Amino acid sequence: SRRIGSLGDCRDGGWCVRLEEAGFQAHGVDLSPAMVARARGRGATARFTVGSLLEVSWPICVAVTALGEVLNYQFDTGNTWERLVECFARIFDALVPGGLLIFDVAGPGRCPEPRQVFHGGEEWMVLVETLEDHAAKTLTRKIITFRRVGAGYRRSDETHSLQIYSSDAFKSALTAIGFTVEIVEAYGEYAIPFPGSYGVVARRPEGRSGARGDSA
């Protein structure tokens, strides 16, 4: 079957809906129960799982995707480089020969200088401060949201912590597992819009056996 694992990025379910419209059977995974609940409410028939991308046991599938710098985020305290590489090895075994692993990543230069931006409307405002620590290879994004509630406003604060990775690190690790790897600036006609970010398209070669012993 045309099965795709949407790894760690089901979000509001929009990507899974588009995959199903294209004729694929989708499986969405997200660490947040709230995001999985929203995804299920979109009407997709995809399977959704609350959990860590580092612990998912993938069925045989034609592709796994992680879109929106998913692999950088440190919400999952177990998200280390070593465990990411182990995850990629399991994905290799889950993919059919010729299957694809596709993801995009925040790399060095994602935020060259400290940046503050805000967006707002009549009843809301979002303030975002982003700082990249070039020595530690991390990026921190602080977000403050104000939302009108009755006669007042409700404030919420959140902090996003991302680990920055070079494209060479991914290319070396994935190649060692057995993938053929291409670093890209766009998915087809859709350009990756952020400076310092890049895409990775890794393919399991035809006829290459994995740990499960499957081959072309």
N, C-alpha and C. Protein backbone atom coordinates (compact mmCIF):
# COMPACT_ATOMS: atom_id res chain seq x y z
N SER A 1 0.83 -1.19 0.00
CA SER A 1 0.00 0.00 0.00
C SER A 1 0.87 1.24 0.00
N ARG A 2 0.27 2.37 -0.33
CA ARG A 2 1.02 3.63 -0.37
C ARG A 2 0.95 4.25 1.02
N ARG A 3 1.79 3.77 1.92
CA ARG A 3 1.74 4.21 3.30
C ARG A 3 2.86 5.20 3.56
N ILE A 4 2.50 6.33 4.19
CA ILE A 4 3.49 7.33 4.58
C ILE A 4 3.44 7.51 6.08
N GLY A 5 4.60 7.52 6.72
CA GLY A 5 4.68 7.89 8.12
C GLY A 5 5.02 9.37 8.21
N SER A 6 4.14 10.16 8.81
CA SER A 6 4.39 11.59 8.97
C SER A 6 5.01 11.80 10.33
N LEU A 7 6.33 11.82 10.37
CA LEU A 7 7.07 11.63 11.60
C LEU A 7 7.15 12.90 12.42
N GLY A 8 6.49 12.87 13.60
CA GLY A 8 6.68 13.93 14.56
C GLY A 8 6.12 15.27 14.17
N ASP A 9 5.30 15.34 13.14
CA ASP A 9 4.89 16.67 12.67
C ASP A 9 3.44 16.69 12.23
N CYS A 10 2.59 15.92 12.91
CA CYS A 10 1.20 15.92 12.45
C CYS A 10 0.54 17.27 12.68
N ARG A 11 0.99 18.02 13.69
CA ARG A 11 0.50 19.37 13.97
C ARG A 11 -1.02 19.39 13.96
N ASP A 12 -1.62 20.23 13.09
CA ASP A 12 -3.08 20.30 13.09
C ASP A 12 -3.70 19.32 12.11
N GLY A 13 -2.90 18.43 11.55
CA GLY A 13 -3.41 17.40 10.66
C GLY A 13 -3.48 17.78 9.20
N GLY A 14 -3.13 19.03 8.87
CA GLY A 14 -3.24 19.49 7.49
C GLY A 14 -2.41 18.68 6.51
N TRP A 15 -1.18 18.33 6.91
CA TRP A 15 -0.31 17.58 6.01
C TRP A 15 -0.85 16.17 5.79
N CYS A 16 -1.38 15.56 6.85
CA CYS A 16 -1.96 14.22 6.69
C CYS A 16 -3.17 14.25 5.76
N VAL A 17 -3.98 15.31 5.87
CA VAL A 17 -5.14 15.45 4.98
C VAL A 17 -4.68 15.52 3.53
N ARG A 18 -3.63 16.31 3.27
CA ARG A 18 -3.14 16.44 1.89
C ARG A 18 -2.56 15.13 1.38
N LEU A 19 -1.91 14.38 2.24
CA LEU A 19 -1.38 13.08 1.83
C LEU A 19 -2.52 12.13 1.46
N GLU A 20 -3.57 12.14 2.26
CA GLU A 20 -4.71 11.27 1.96
C GLU A 20 -5.39 11.67 0.66
N GLU A 21 -5.48 12.98 0.42
CA GLU A 21 -6.07 13.44 -0.83
C GLU A 21 -5.26 12.98 -2.05
N ALA A 22 -3.96 12.78 -1.82
CA ALA A 22 -3.09 12.30 -2.90
C ALA A 22 -3.09 10.78 -3.01
N GLY A 23 -3.86 10.10 -2.15
CA GLY A 23 -3.99 8.65 -2.25
C GLY A 23 -3.11 7.85 -1.33
N PHE A 24 -2.50 8.51 -0.33
CA PHE A 24 -1.64 7.81 0.60
C PHE A 24 -2.38 7.49 1.91
N GLN A 25 -1.92 6.47 2.59
CA GLN A 25 -2.39 6.14 3.94
C GLN A 25 -1.39 6.78 4.91
N ALA A 26 -1.85 7.73 5.73
CA ALA A 26 -0.94 8.51 6.56
C ALA A 26 -0.98 8.07 8.02
N HIS A 27 0.14 8.26 8.69
CA HIS A 27 0.27 7.99 10.12
C HIS A 27 0.96 9.20 10.74
N GLY A 28 0.23 9.99 11.54
CA GLY A 28 0.78 11.20 12.14
C GLY A 28 1.20 10.97 13.58
N VAL A 29 2.34 11.54 13.95
CA VAL A 29 2.87 11.39 15.31
C VAL A 29 3.23 12.76 15.85
N ASP A 30 2.86 13.04 17.09
CA ASP A 30 3.23 14.31 17.72
C ASP A 30 3.34 14.10 19.22
N LEU A 31 4.27 14.81 19.84
CA LEU A 31 4.47 14.70 21.27
C LEU A 31 3.34 15.34 22.06
N SER A 32 2.60 16.27 21.43
CA SER A 32 1.57 17.02 22.12
C SER A 32 0.19 16.38 21.97
N PRO A 33 -0.45 15.98 23.07
CA PRO A 33 -1.81 15.45 22.98
C PRO A 33 -2.78 16.47 22.37
N ALA A 34 -2.59 17.76 22.66
CA ALA A 34 -3.48 18.79 22.14
C ALA A 34 -3.39 18.88 20.63
N MET A 35 -2.18 18.78 20.08
CA MET A 35 -2.02 18.85 18.63
C MET A 35 -2.60 17.62 17.95
N VAL A 36 -2.43 16.45 18.58
CA VAL A 36 -3.02 15.24 18.01
C VAL A 36 -4.54 15.33 18.03
N ALA A 37 -5.11 15.91 19.09
CA ALA A 37 -6.56 16.08 19.17
C ALA A 37 -7.05 17.00 18.05
N ARG A 38 -6.32 18.07 17.78
CA ARG A 38 -6.67 18.98 16.68
C ARG A 38 -6.58 18.26 15.34
N ALA A 39 -5.53 17.45 15.18
CA ALA A 39 -5.36 16.73 13.92
C ALA A 39 -6.51 15.76 13.68
N ARG A 40 -6.92 15.07 14.72
CA ARG A 40 -8.04 14.13 14.58
C ARG A 40 -9.33 14.86 14.23
N GLY A 41 -9.43 16.11 14.67
CA GLY A 41 -10.63 16.88 14.37
C GLY A 41 -10.70 17.42 12.97
N ARG A 42 -9.63 17.25 12.19
CA ARG A 42 -9.62 17.76 10.82
C ARG A 42 -10.39 16.87 9.85
N GLY A 43 -10.77 15.68 10.30
CA GLY A 43 -11.56 14.80 9.44
C GLY A 43 -10.74 13.79 8.67
N ALA A 44 -9.41 13.79 8.88
CA ALA A 44 -8.59 12.81 8.19
C ALA A 44 -8.82 11.42 8.78
N THR A 45 -8.67 10.40 7.97
CA THR A 45 -8.80 9.03 8.45
C THR A 45 -7.44 8.46 8.85
N ALA A 46 -6.42 9.31 8.86
CA ALA A 46 -5.08 8.88 9.24
C ALA A 46 -5.05 8.35 10.66
N ARG A 47 -4.10 7.49 10.91
CA ARG A 47 -3.83 7.05 12.27
C ARG A 47 -2.96 8.12 12.94
N PHE A 48 -3.33 8.54 14.16
CA PHE A 48 -2.56 9.53 14.89
C PHE A 48 -2.08 8.93 16.21
N THR A 49 -0.86 9.23 16.58
CA THR A 49 -0.25 8.70 17.79
C THR A 49 0.36 9.83 18.60
N VAL A 50 0.09 9.84 19.90
CA VAL A 50 0.78 10.75 20.81
C VAL A 50 2.06 10.06 21.26
N GLY A 51 3.20 10.68 20.99
CA GLY A 51 4.45 10.04 21.39
C GLY A 51 5.65 10.73 20.80
N SER A 52 6.81 10.19 21.12
CA SER A 52 8.08 10.73 20.67
C SER A 52 8.49 10.09 19.35
N LEU A 53 8.99 10.90 18.45
CA LEU A 53 9.51 10.36 17.18
C LEU A 53 10.67 9.41 17.43
N LEU A 54 11.33 9.55 18.58
CA LEU A 54 12.48 8.72 18.88
C LEU A 54 12.10 7.31 19.31
N GLU A 55 10.82 7.09 19.61
CA GLU A 55 10.38 5.80 20.14
C GLU A 55 9.37 5.09 19.25
N VAL A 56 8.98 5.72 18.14
CA VAL A 56 7.97 5.13 17.27
C VAL A 56 8.52 3.88 16.58
N SER A 57 7.68 2.85 16.54
CA SER A 57 8.01 1.65 15.77
C SER A 57 7.26 1.74 14.45
N TRP A 58 7.98 2.00 13.37
CA TRP A 58 7.32 2.27 12.09
C TRP A 58 6.98 1.00 11.33
N PRO A 59 5.78 0.94 10.76
CA PRO A 59 5.44 -0.16 9.86
C PRO A 59 6.15 0.06 8.52
N ILE A 60 6.13 -0.94 7.68
CA ILE A 60 6.68 -0.79 6.34
C ILE A 60 5.96 0.35 5.63
N CYS A 61 6.70 1.29 5.05
CA CYS A 61 6.07 2.46 4.42
C CYS A 61 6.92 2.95 3.25
N VAL A 62 6.33 3.83 2.44
CA VAL A 62 7.03 4.35 1.27
C VAL A 62 7.76 5.65 1.56
N ALA A 63 7.39 6.35 2.64
CA ALA A 63 8.05 7.61 2.96
C ALA A 63 7.80 7.99 4.41
N VAL A 64 8.74 8.71 4.98
CA VAL A 64 8.61 9.32 6.30
C VAL A 64 8.99 10.79 6.15
N THR A 65 8.17 11.69 6.69
CA THR A 65 8.45 13.11 6.57
C THR A 65 8.47 13.77 7.95
N ALA A 66 9.28 14.83 8.06
CA ALA A 66 9.33 15.65 9.27
C ALA A 66 9.54 17.09 8.81
N LEU A 67 8.45 17.83 8.69
CA LEU A 67 8.49 19.15 8.07
C LEU A 67 8.34 20.25 9.11
N GLY A 68 9.06 21.34 8.93
CA GLY A 68 8.97 22.47 9.85
C GLY A 68 10.01 22.42 10.96
N GLU A 69 11.23 21.99 10.63
CA GLU A 69 12.34 21.95 11.58
C GLU A 69 12.04 21.09 12.81
N VAL A 70 11.23 20.05 12.59
CA VAL A 70 10.79 19.17 13.68
C VAL A 70 11.97 18.58 14.46
N LEU A 71 13.01 18.16 13.76
CA LEU A 71 14.09 17.43 14.42
C LEU A 71 14.96 18.32 15.29
N ASN A 72 14.88 19.63 15.11
CA ASN A 72 15.67 20.55 15.91
C ASN A 72 15.12 20.75 17.32
N TYR A 73 13.81 20.63 17.47
CA TYR A 73 13.17 21.04 18.72
C TYR A 73 13.55 20.14 19.89
N GLN A 74 13.75 20.79 21.04
CA GLN A 74 14.19 20.10 22.24
C GLN A 74 13.08 19.95 23.28
N PHE A 75 11.80 20.04 22.84
CA PHE A 75 10.69 19.76 23.76
C PHE A 75 10.85 18.36 24.34
N ASP A 76 11.29 17.43 23.49
CA ASP A 76 11.58 16.07 23.93
C ASP A 76 13.00 16.07 24.50
N THR A 77 13.12 15.93 25.81
CA THR A 77 14.44 16.02 26.44
C THR A 77 15.37 14.88 26.01
N GLY A 78 14.81 13.83 25.42
CA GLY A 78 15.63 12.73 24.94
C GLY A 78 16.12 12.92 23.52
N ASN A 79 15.84 14.07 22.93
CA ASN A 79 16.20 14.31 21.53
C ASN A 79 17.67 14.70 21.42
N THR A 80 18.53 13.68 21.41
CA THR A 80 19.96 13.89 21.25
C THR A 80 20.39 13.44 19.85
N TRP A 81 21.58 13.82 19.46
CA TRP A 81 22.08 13.43 18.14
C TRP A 81 22.17 11.91 18.03
N GLU A 82 22.65 11.26 19.08
CA GLU A 82 22.80 9.81 19.03
C GLU A 82 21.45 9.12 18.83
N ARG A 83 20.42 9.60 19.51
CA ARG A 83 19.10 8.97 19.37
C ARG A 83 18.47 9.30 18.02
N LEU A 84 18.77 10.47 17.46
CA LEU A 84 18.30 10.77 16.11
C LEU A 84 18.88 9.79 15.10
N VAL A 85 20.17 9.50 15.23
CA VAL A 85 20.81 8.57 14.30
C VAL A 85 20.20 7.18 14.45
N GLU A 86 19.92 6.75 15.69
CA GLU A 86 19.25 5.46 15.89
C GLU A 86 17.87 5.46 15.24
N CYS A 87 17.16 6.59 15.34
CA CYS A 87 15.84 6.72 14.73
C CYS A 87 15.94 6.58 13.21
N PHE A 88 16.95 7.21 12.62
CA PHE A 88 17.13 7.12 11.17
C PHE A 88 17.39 5.68 10.72
N ALA A 89 18.12 4.93 11.54
CA ALA A 89 18.39 3.53 11.20
C ALA A 89 17.10 2.72 11.21
N ARG A 90 16.21 2.98 12.18
CA ARG A 90 14.93 2.27 12.22
C ARG A 90 14.06 2.67 11.02
N ILE A 91 14.12 3.93 10.65
CA ILE A 91 13.36 4.37 9.48
C ILE A 91 13.86 3.69 8.22
N PHE A 92 15.17 3.55 8.10
CA PHE A 92 15.75 2.86 6.94
C PHE A 92 15.15 1.46 6.82
N ASP A 93 15.05 0.75 7.95
CA ASP A 93 14.51 -0.60 7.93
C ASP A 93 13.02 -0.62 7.62
N ALA A 94 12.30 0.47 7.98
CA ALA A 94 10.87 0.52 7.73
C ALA A 94 10.53 0.87 6.28
N LEU A 95 11.42 1.57 5.61
CA LEU A 95 11.14 2.00 4.24
C LEU A 95 11.27 0.86 3.25
N VAL A 96 10.39 0.85 2.27
CA VAL A 96 10.55 -0.08 1.15
C VAL A 96 11.75 0.36 0.32
N PRO A 97 12.39 -0.54 -0.42
CA PRO A 97 13.46 -0.11 -1.31
C PRO A 97 12.97 1.01 -2.23
N GLY A 98 13.74 2.08 -2.31
CA GLY A 98 13.33 3.26 -3.06
C GLY A 98 12.55 4.25 -2.22
N GLY A 99 12.23 3.90 -0.96
CA GLY A 99 11.46 4.77 -0.09
C GLY A 99 12.25 5.99 0.36
N LEU A 100 11.53 7.02 0.80
CA LEU A 100 12.13 8.32 1.09
C LEU A 100 11.97 8.74 2.54
N LEU A 101 13.01 9.36 3.08
CA LEU A 101 12.97 10.10 4.33
C LEU A 101 13.21 11.57 3.96
N ILE A 102 12.23 12.44 4.27
CA ILE A 102 12.29 13.84 3.86
C ILE A 102 12.07 14.72 5.09
N PHE A 103 12.99 15.65 5.31
CA PHE A 103 12.83 16.57 6.44
C PHE A 103 13.62 17.85 6.17
N ASP A 104 13.26 18.91 6.91
CA ASP A 104 14.04 20.14 6.84
C ASP A 104 14.55 20.50 8.22
N VAL A 105 15.65 21.25 8.24
CA VAL A 105 16.40 21.46 9.48
C VAL A 105 16.87 22.90 9.57
N ALA A 106 16.87 23.43 10.80
CA ALA A 106 17.50 24.72 11.07
C ALA A 106 19.00 24.50 11.21
N GLY A 107 19.76 25.19 10.35
CA GLY A 107 21.21 25.05 10.37
C GLY A 107 21.88 26.32 10.84
N PRO A 108 23.21 26.34 10.83
CA PRO A 108 23.95 27.55 11.22
C PRO A 108 23.52 28.74 10.37
N GLY A 109 23.32 29.87 11.02
CA GLY A 109 22.87 31.06 10.30
C GLY A 109 21.37 31.19 10.23
N ARG A 110 20.64 30.33 10.98
CA ARG A 110 19.17 30.42 10.99
C ARG A 110 18.71 31.79 11.50
N CYS A 111 19.46 32.35 12.43
CA CYS A 111 19.17 33.70 12.93
C CYS A 111 20.51 34.39 13.18
N PRO A 112 21.14 34.95 12.15
CA PRO A 112 22.50 35.50 12.27
C PRO A 112 22.62 36.58 13.35
N GLU A 113 21.60 37.39 13.51
CA GLU A 113 21.59 38.45 14.51
C GLU A 113 20.34 38.31 15.36
N PRO A 114 20.40 38.75 16.64
CA PRO A 114 19.19 38.73 17.48
C PRO A 114 18.05 39.47 16.78
N ARG A 115 16.84 38.91 16.86
CA ARG A 115 15.72 39.48 16.11
C ARG A 115 14.48 39.55 16.99
N GLN A 116 13.77 40.66 16.90
CA GLN A 116 12.50 40.84 17.59
C GLN A 116 11.46 41.27 16.57
N VAL A 117 10.34 40.57 16.54
CA VAL A 117 9.25 40.91 15.61
C VAL A 117 7.94 40.81 16.37
N PHE A 118 6.92 41.46 15.84
CA PHE A 118 5.60 41.33 16.44
C PHE A 118 4.54 41.33 15.35
N HIS A 119 3.46 40.65 15.64
CA HIS A 119 2.30 40.58 14.75
C HIS A 119 1.08 40.86 15.62
N GLY A 120 0.10 41.54 15.06
CA GLY A 120 -1.06 41.84 15.88
C GLY A 120 -2.30 42.18 15.09
N GLY A 121 -3.41 42.11 15.78
CA GLY A 121 -4.71 42.50 15.24
C GLY A 121 -5.44 43.29 16.30
N GLU A 122 -6.73 43.48 16.12
CA GLU A 122 -7.51 44.29 17.05
C GLU A 122 -7.60 43.65 18.43
N GLU A 123 -7.59 42.33 18.50
CA GLU A 123 -7.79 41.67 19.79
C GLU A 123 -6.66 40.71 20.16
N TRP A 124 -5.53 40.82 19.49
CA TRP A 124 -4.43 39.92 19.80
C TRP A 124 -3.10 40.53 19.38
N MET A 125 -2.01 40.02 19.96
CA MET A 125 -0.66 40.43 19.58
C MET A 125 0.30 39.31 19.96
N VAL A 126 1.28 39.05 19.07
CA VAL A 126 2.31 38.06 19.32
C VAL A 126 3.67 38.73 19.18
N LEU A 127 4.48 38.63 20.22
CA LEU A 127 5.84 39.17 20.23
C LEU A 127 6.82 38.01 20.23
N VAL A 128 7.81 38.06 19.32
CA VAL A 128 8.75 36.96 19.18
C VAL A 128 10.18 37.50 19.22
N GLU A 129 10.98 36.93 20.10
CA GLU A 129 12.40 37.26 20.17
C GLU A 129 13.21 36.00 19.87
N THR A 130 14.12 36.08 18.91
CA THR A 130 14.91 34.92 18.50
C THR A 130 16.39 35.22 18.63
N LEU A 131 17.12 34.26 19.23
CA LEU A 131 18.55 34.43 19.44
C LEU A 131 19.26 33.13 19.11
N GLU A 132 20.26 33.20 18.27
CA GLU A 132 21.08 32.03 17.95
C GLU A 132 22.41 32.13 18.67
N ASP A 133 22.76 31.08 19.41
CA ASP A 133 24.06 30.98 20.07
C ASP A 133 24.98 30.19 19.15
N HIS A 134 25.85 30.90 18.44
CA HIS A 134 26.66 30.26 17.41
C HIS A 134 27.66 29.27 18.01
N ALA A 135 28.18 29.57 19.19
CA ALA A 135 29.16 28.68 19.82
C ALA A 135 28.50 27.38 20.29
N ALA A 136 27.34 27.50 20.92
CA ALA A 136 26.65 26.32 21.44
C ALA A 136 25.81 25.61 20.38
N LYS A 137 25.64 26.23 19.22
CA LYS A 137 24.82 25.69 18.13
C LYS A 137 23.38 25.46 18.59
N THR A 138 22.83 26.48 19.22
CA THR A 138 21.45 26.43 19.67
C THR A 138 20.71 27.68 19.21
N LEU A 139 19.40 27.59 19.18
CA LEU A 139 18.55 28.72 18.86
C LEU A 139 17.42 28.76 19.88
N THR A 140 17.18 29.95 20.45
CA THR A 140 16.11 30.12 21.43
C THR A 140 15.10 31.12 20.91
N ARG A 141 13.83 30.72 20.93
CA ARG A 141 12.75 31.59 20.46
C ARG A 141 11.77 31.80 21.60
N LYS A 142 11.66 33.04 22.08
CA LYS A 142 10.72 33.38 23.15
C LYS A 142 9.49 34.05 22.54
N ILE A 143 8.32 33.55 22.91
CA ILE A 143 7.07 34.03 22.32
C ILE A 143 6.13 34.48 23.44
N ILE A 144 5.64 35.71 23.32
CA ILE A 144 4.66 36.25 24.26
C ILE A 144 3.40 36.57 23.47
N THR A 145 2.27 36.06 23.92
CA THR A 145 1.00 36.25 23.23
C THR A 145 0.01 36.96 24.15
N PHE A 146 -0.65 37.99 23.61
CA PHE A 146 -1.74 38.67 24.31
C PHE A 146 -3.02 38.45 23.52
N ARG A 147 -4.08 38.04 24.24
CA ARG A 147 -5.36 37.75 23.59
C ARG A 147 -6.48 38.41 24.39
N ARG A 148 -7.37 39.10 23.67
CA ARG A 148 -8.48 39.78 24.32
C ARG A 148 -9.44 38.77 24.94
N VAL A 149 -9.74 38.93 26.20
CA VAL A 149 -10.70 38.09 26.90
C VAL A 149 -11.60 39.02 27.71
N GLY A 150 -12.83 39.19 27.24
CA GLY A 150 -13.74 40.11 27.91
C GLY A 150 -13.21 41.53 27.85
N ALA A 151 -13.11 42.18 29.02
CA ALA A 151 -12.64 43.56 29.06
C ALA A 151 -11.13 43.65 29.19
N GLY A 152 -10.45 42.52 29.35
CA GLY A 152 -9.00 42.54 29.51
C GLY A 152 -8.28 41.69 28.50
N TYR A 153 -7.01 41.41 28.79
CA TYR A 153 -6.18 40.59 27.91
C TYR A 153 -5.54 39.46 28.72
N ARG A 154 -5.41 38.32 28.07
CA ARG A 154 -4.74 37.18 28.70
C ARG A 154 -3.37 37.02 28.04
N ARG A 155 -2.35 36.87 28.87
CA ARG A 155 -0.98 36.72 28.38
C ARG A 155 -0.52 35.27 28.52
N SER A 156 0.19 34.78 27.51
CA SER A 156 0.84 33.46 27.61
C SER A 156 2.27 33.58 27.13
N ASP A 157 3.15 32.81 27.75
CA ASP A 157 4.58 32.82 27.42
C ASP A 157 5.03 31.41 27.07
N GLU A 158 5.86 31.29 26.05
CA GLU A 158 6.46 30.00 25.74
C GLU A 158 7.86 30.21 25.19
N THR A 159 8.70 29.21 25.38
CA THR A 159 10.08 29.27 24.90
C THR A 159 10.37 28.03 24.06
N HIS A 160 10.87 28.24 22.86
CA HIS A 160 11.26 27.14 21.98
C HIS A 160 12.78 27.04 21.98
N SER A 161 13.30 25.86 22.28
CA SER A 161 14.74 25.62 22.25
C SER A 161 15.05 24.66 21.11
N LEU A 162 15.95 25.06 20.23
CA LEU A 162 16.31 24.24 19.07
C LEU A 162 17.81 23.97 19.07
N GLN A 163 18.18 22.74 18.70
CA GLN A 163 19.58 22.41 18.46
C GLN A 163 19.87 22.61 16.98
N ILE A 164 20.95 23.31 16.67
CA ILE A 164 21.31 23.60 15.28
C ILE A 164 22.22 22.50 14.75
N TYR A 165 21.96 22.06 13.51
CA TYR A 165 22.77 21.00 12.90
C TYR A 165 23.27 21.43 11.52
N SER A 166 24.49 21.04 11.20
CA SER A 166 25.02 21.30 9.86
C SER A 166 24.52 20.24 8.89
N SER A 167 24.45 20.59 7.63
CA SER A 167 24.02 19.62 6.61
C SER A 167 25.03 18.49 6.46
N ASP A 168 26.32 18.78 6.69
CA ASP A 168 27.34 17.74 6.57
C ASP A 168 27.12 16.64 7.61
N ALA A 169 26.67 17.02 8.81
CA ALA A 169 26.45 16.02 9.86
C ALA A 169 25.36 15.04 9.45
N PHE A 170 24.26 15.55 8.91
CA PHE A 170 23.18 14.67 8.48
C PHE A 170 23.60 13.82 7.29
N LYS A 171 24.29 14.44 6.35
CA LYS A 171 24.68 13.70 5.15
C LYS A 171 25.60 12.54 5.51
N SER A 172 26.54 12.78 6.43
CA SER A 172 27.48 11.73 6.84
C SER A 172 26.76 10.61 7.57
N ALA A 173 25.89 10.96 8.52
CA ALA A 173 25.20 9.95 9.32
C ALA A 173 24.26 9.11 8.47
N LEU A 174 23.50 9.75 7.61
CA LEU A 174 22.53 9.02 6.78
C LEU A 174 23.21 8.15 5.74
N THR A 175 24.32 8.64 5.18
CA THR A 175 25.06 7.84 4.21
C THR A 175 25.64 6.59 4.87
N ALA A 176 26.13 6.73 6.10
CA ALA A 176 26.68 5.58 6.82
C ALA A 176 25.63 4.52 7.08
N ILE A 177 24.37 4.93 7.27
CA ILE A 177 23.28 3.98 7.47
C ILE A 177 22.94 3.23 6.20
N GLY A 178 23.15 3.88 5.05
CA GLY A 178 22.85 3.24 3.77
C GLY A 178 22.03 4.07 2.82
N PHE A 179 21.58 5.26 3.25
CA PHE A 179 20.79 6.14 2.40
C PHE A 179 21.67 6.80 1.34
N THR A 180 21.05 7.15 0.22
CA THR A 180 21.63 8.14 -0.67
C THR A 180 20.99 9.46 -0.28
N VAL A 181 21.78 10.53 -0.23
CA VAL A 181 21.34 11.77 0.39
C VAL A 181 21.52 12.97 -0.54
N GLU A 182 20.49 13.81 -0.58
CA GLU A 182 20.56 15.07 -1.31
C GLU A 182 20.14 16.20 -0.37
N ILE A 183 20.96 17.25 -0.30
CA ILE A 183 20.63 18.46 0.46
C ILE A 183 19.96 19.43 -0.50
N VAL A 184 18.76 19.92 -0.14
CA VAL A 184 17.98 20.73 -1.07
C VAL A 184 17.58 22.06 -0.44
N GLU A 185 17.25 23.02 -1.28
CA GLU A 185 16.76 24.32 -0.85
C GLU A 185 15.27 24.47 -1.08
N ALA A 186 14.66 23.44 -1.68
CA ALA A 186 13.22 23.50 -1.99
C ALA A 186 12.69 22.08 -2.11
N TYR A 187 11.39 21.94 -1.84
CA TYR A 187 10.66 20.70 -2.13
C TYR A 187 9.90 20.96 -3.42
N GLY A 188 10.45 20.51 -4.53
CA GLY A 188 9.82 20.82 -5.81
C GLY A 188 9.82 22.32 -6.04
N GLU A 189 8.63 22.90 -6.20
CA GLU A 189 8.51 24.33 -6.43
C GLU A 189 8.40 25.12 -5.12
N TYR A 190 8.32 24.43 -4.00
CA TYR A 190 8.17 25.11 -2.71
C TYR A 190 9.53 25.33 -2.08
N ALA A 191 9.98 26.58 -2.08
CA ALA A 191 11.28 26.92 -1.51
C ALA A 191 11.20 26.93 0.02
N ILE A 192 12.20 26.39 0.68
CA ILE A 192 12.28 26.48 2.13
C ILE A 192 12.54 27.93 2.48
N PRO A 193 11.64 28.58 3.21
CA PRO A 193 11.64 30.05 3.26
C PRO A 193 12.60 30.69 4.24
N PHE A 194 13.27 29.91 5.09
CA PHE A 194 14.04 30.53 6.18
C PHE A 194 15.53 30.50 5.88
N PRO A 195 16.24 31.60 6.13
CA PRO A 195 17.70 31.60 5.95
C PRO A 195 18.34 30.63 6.92
N GLY A 196 19.35 29.92 6.46
CA GLY A 196 20.03 28.96 7.32
C GLY A 196 19.36 27.61 7.40
N SER A 197 18.15 27.48 6.88
CA SER A 197 17.46 26.19 6.89
C SER A 197 17.68 25.47 5.56
N TYR A 198 17.58 24.16 5.59
CA TYR A 198 17.79 23.35 4.39
C TYR A 198 16.97 22.09 4.49
N GLY A 199 16.75 21.47 3.36
CA GLY A 199 16.01 20.23 3.32
C GLY A 199 16.93 19.05 3.08
N VAL A 200 16.50 17.88 3.53
CA VAL A 200 17.23 16.64 3.31
C VAL A 200 16.29 15.63 2.67
N VAL A 201 16.70 15.09 1.55
CA VAL A 201 15.95 14.02 0.88
C VAL A 201 16.85 12.80 0.86
N ALA A 202 16.51 11.80 1.69
CA ALA A 202 17.30 10.58 1.82
C ALA A 202 16.50 9.41 1.25
N ARG A 203 17.12 8.64 0.40
CA ARG A 203 16.43 7.52 -0.26
C ARG A 203 17.10 6.20 0.10
N ARG A 204 16.27 5.22 0.43
CA ARG A 204 16.80 3.87 0.60
C ARG A 204 16.99 3.25 -0.78
N PRO A 205 18.19 2.87 -1.13
CA PRO A 205 18.44 2.37 -2.49
C PRO A 205 17.65 1.10 -2.79
N GLU A 206 17.34 0.92 -4.05
CA GLU A 206 16.70 -0.32 -4.49
C GLU A 206 17.63 -1.49 -4.21
N GLY A 207 17.05 -2.56 -3.66
CA GLY A 207 17.82 -3.78 -3.47
C GLY A 207 18.70 -3.79 -2.24
N ARG A 208 18.65 -2.72 -1.42
CA ARG A 208 19.48 -2.67 -0.21
C ARG A 208 18.70 -3.24 0.96
N SER A 209 19.16 -4.35 1.53
CA SER A 209 18.45 -5.00 2.63
C SER A 209 18.66 -4.25 3.93
N GLY A 210 17.61 -4.21 4.76
CA GLY A 210 17.73 -3.62 6.09
C GLY A 210 17.78 -4.73 7.13
N ALA A 211 17.63 -4.33 8.39
CA ALA A 211 17.71 -5.30 9.49
C ALA A 211 16.59 -6.32 9.42
N ARG A 212 15.46 -5.94 8.79
CA ARG A 212 14.33 -6.87 8.69
C ARG A 212 14.52 -7.90 7.59
N GLY A 213 15.57 -7.68 6.78
CA GLY A 213 15.87 -8.63 5.73
C GLY A 213 15.07 -8.41 4.46
N ASP A 214 14.28 -7.31 4.37
CA ASP A 214 13.50 -7.08 3.17
C ASP A 214 14.38 -6.44 2.11
N SER A 215 14.08 -6.75 0.87
CA SER A 215 14.86 -6.20 -0.25
C SER A 215 13.94 -6.14 -1.47
N ALA A 216 14.45 -5.52 -2.51
CA ALA A 216 13.66 -5.38 -3.73
C ALA A 216 13.44 -6.74 -4.38
